[in-house]
Amino acid sequence: MLDNNPITHYMAKQQRHSGRRHAAPAEPSPFEQARDELFQHIMRCGVVGAEPEHVDEWFGETIKYMTERFPELSEQQIGELKTLGLRFAQPPKARTEANAASAA
């Protein structure tokens, strides 16, 4: 005789799958770690809104540090890291009255 009780089917399914192991979260790649660390440095050091010559100087020193800190990154990845950092460090664009009126 077949058991058509949905609760019984659910419990049987749970027992079959209870031995499954769930995959552990993936470790971030060195590039992801470097990117996150760079963004934290940018926020902590007040780079956003600084004078352009100070930003250039800061990035020169910081990218040199990041290259030493993450030797596994390629030159291309270091370049991408700098590009992302420069974009992240740009101050937010102010909305002008014209933009605000067109958005309404």
Protein backbone atom coordinates (compact mmCIF):
# COMPACT_ATOMS: atom_id res chain seq x y z
CA MET A 1 0.00 0.00 0.00
CA LEU A 2 1.37 3.44 -0.99
CA ASP A 3 1.44 6.26 1.50
CA ASN A 4 0.12 9.44 -0.15
CA ASN A 5 0.60 11.59 2.92
CA PRO A 6 2.62 14.70 1.91
CA ILE A 7 4.13 15.01 5.39
CA THR A 8 5.53 11.49 5.19
CA HIS A 9 7.05 12.24 1.78
CA TYR A 10 8.57 15.49 3.08
CA MET A 11 10.10 13.75 6.12
CA ALA A 12 11.53 10.96 3.96
CA LYS A 13 13.06 13.53 1.62
CA GLN A 14 14.58 15.41 4.55
CA GLN A 15 16.15 12.20 5.86
CA ARG A 16 17.67 11.39 2.45
CA HIS A 17 19.17 14.88 2.12
CA SER A 18 20.18 15.45 5.74
CA GLY A 19 23.61 13.91 5.10
CA ARG A 20 24.44 16.50 2.42
CA ARG A 21 27.23 18.87 3.12
CA HIS A 22 26.75 22.47 2.24
CA ALA A 23 29.58 24.12 0.37
CA ALA A 24 31.61 26.55 2.41
CA PRO A 25 31.64 30.13 1.19
CA ALA A 26 34.36 30.73 -1.35
CA GLU A 27 37.44 32.63 -0.22
CA PRO A 28 37.82 35.96 -2.00
CA SER A 29 40.54 36.05 -4.63
CA PRO A 30 43.70 38.08 -3.98
CA PHE A 31 42.39 40.72 -6.39
CA GLU A 32 39.09 40.96 -4.49
CA GLN A 33 40.98 41.21 -1.20
CA ALA A 34 43.23 43.94 -2.60
CA ARG A 35 40.24 45.86 -4.01
CA ASP A 36 38.37 45.73 -0.72
CA GLU A 37 41.45 46.78 1.22
CA LEU A 38 42.07 49.67 -1.18
CA PHE A 39 38.48 50.88 -0.82
CA GLN A 40 38.82 50.75 2.97
CA HIS A 41 42.04 52.78 2.78
CA ILE A 42 40.32 55.35 0.56
CA MET A 43 37.46 55.77 3.03
CA ARG A 44 39.71 55.80 6.08
CA CYS A 45 42.24 58.28 4.66
CA GLY A 46 39.74 60.85 3.40
CA VAL A 47 40.84 60.69 -0.23
CA VAL A 48 37.36 61.48 -1.57
CA GLY A 49 37.18 65.20 -2.25
CA ALA A 50 40.91 65.82 -1.71
CA GLU A 51 42.89 68.08 -4.04
CA PRO A 52 43.86 66.29 -7.28
CA GLU A 53 47.61 66.58 -6.63
CA HIS A 54 47.14 65.01 -3.18
CA VAL A 55 45.04 62.21 -4.68
CA ASP A 56 47.76 61.51 -7.27
CA GLU A 57 50.46 61.44 -4.60
CA TRP A 58 48.36 59.25 -2.30
CA PHE A 59 47.54 56.79 -5.07
CA GLY A 60 51.19 56.56 -6.15
CA GLU A 61 52.25 55.57 -2.64
CA THR A 62 49.25 53.35 -1.99
CA ILE A 63 49.47 51.40 -5.25
CA LYS A 64 53.18 50.83 -4.57
CA TYR A 65 52.22 49.45 -1.14
CA MET A 66 49.45 47.27 -2.63
CA THR A 67 51.91 45.87 -5.21
CA GLU A 68 54.21 44.82 -2.39
CA ARG A 69 51.36 43.56 -0.22
CA PHE A 70 49.82 41.45 -3.02
CA PRO A 71 52.78 40.16 -5.09
CA GLU A 72 50.53 37.57 -6.75
CA LEU A 73 48.70 40.30 -8.69
CA SER A 74 49.78 40.91 -12.27
CA GLU A 75 50.62 44.35 -13.64
CA GLN A 76 47.26 44.35 -15.41
CA GLN A 77 45.43 43.61 -12.16
CA ILE A 78 47.36 46.37 -10.38
CA GLY A 79 46.30 48.74 -13.18
CA GLU A 80 42.67 47.64 -12.79
CA LEU A 81 42.96 48.11 -9.05
CA LYS A 82 44.19 51.68 -9.53
CA THR A 83 41.41 52.44 -12.02
CA LEU A 84 38.75 51.11 -9.65
CA GLY A 85 40.30 53.05 -6.77
CA LEU A 86 40.38 56.31 -8.73
CA ARG A 87 36.72 55.89 -9.65
CA PHE A 88 35.81 55.04 -6.07
CA ALA A 89 37.69 58.11 -4.80
CA GLN A 90 35.79 60.55 -6.99
CA PRO A 91 33.41 62.73 -5.05
CA PRO A 92 29.72 62.13 -5.75
CA LYS A 93 28.36 64.24 -8.56
CA ALA A 94 26.14 67.02 -7.29
CA ARG A 95 22.70 67.17 -8.79
CA THR A 96 22.05 70.49 -10.45
CA GLU A 97 18.64 72.12 -10.49
CA ALA A 98 18.31 71.21 -14.18
CA ASN A 99 18.99 67.53 -13.45
CA ALA A 100 16.58 67.59 -10.52
CA ALA A 101 13.85 69.17 -12.65
CA SER A 102 14.30 66.66 -15.47
CA ALA A 103 14.20 63.78 -13.00
CA ALA A 104 10.86 64.92 -11.61
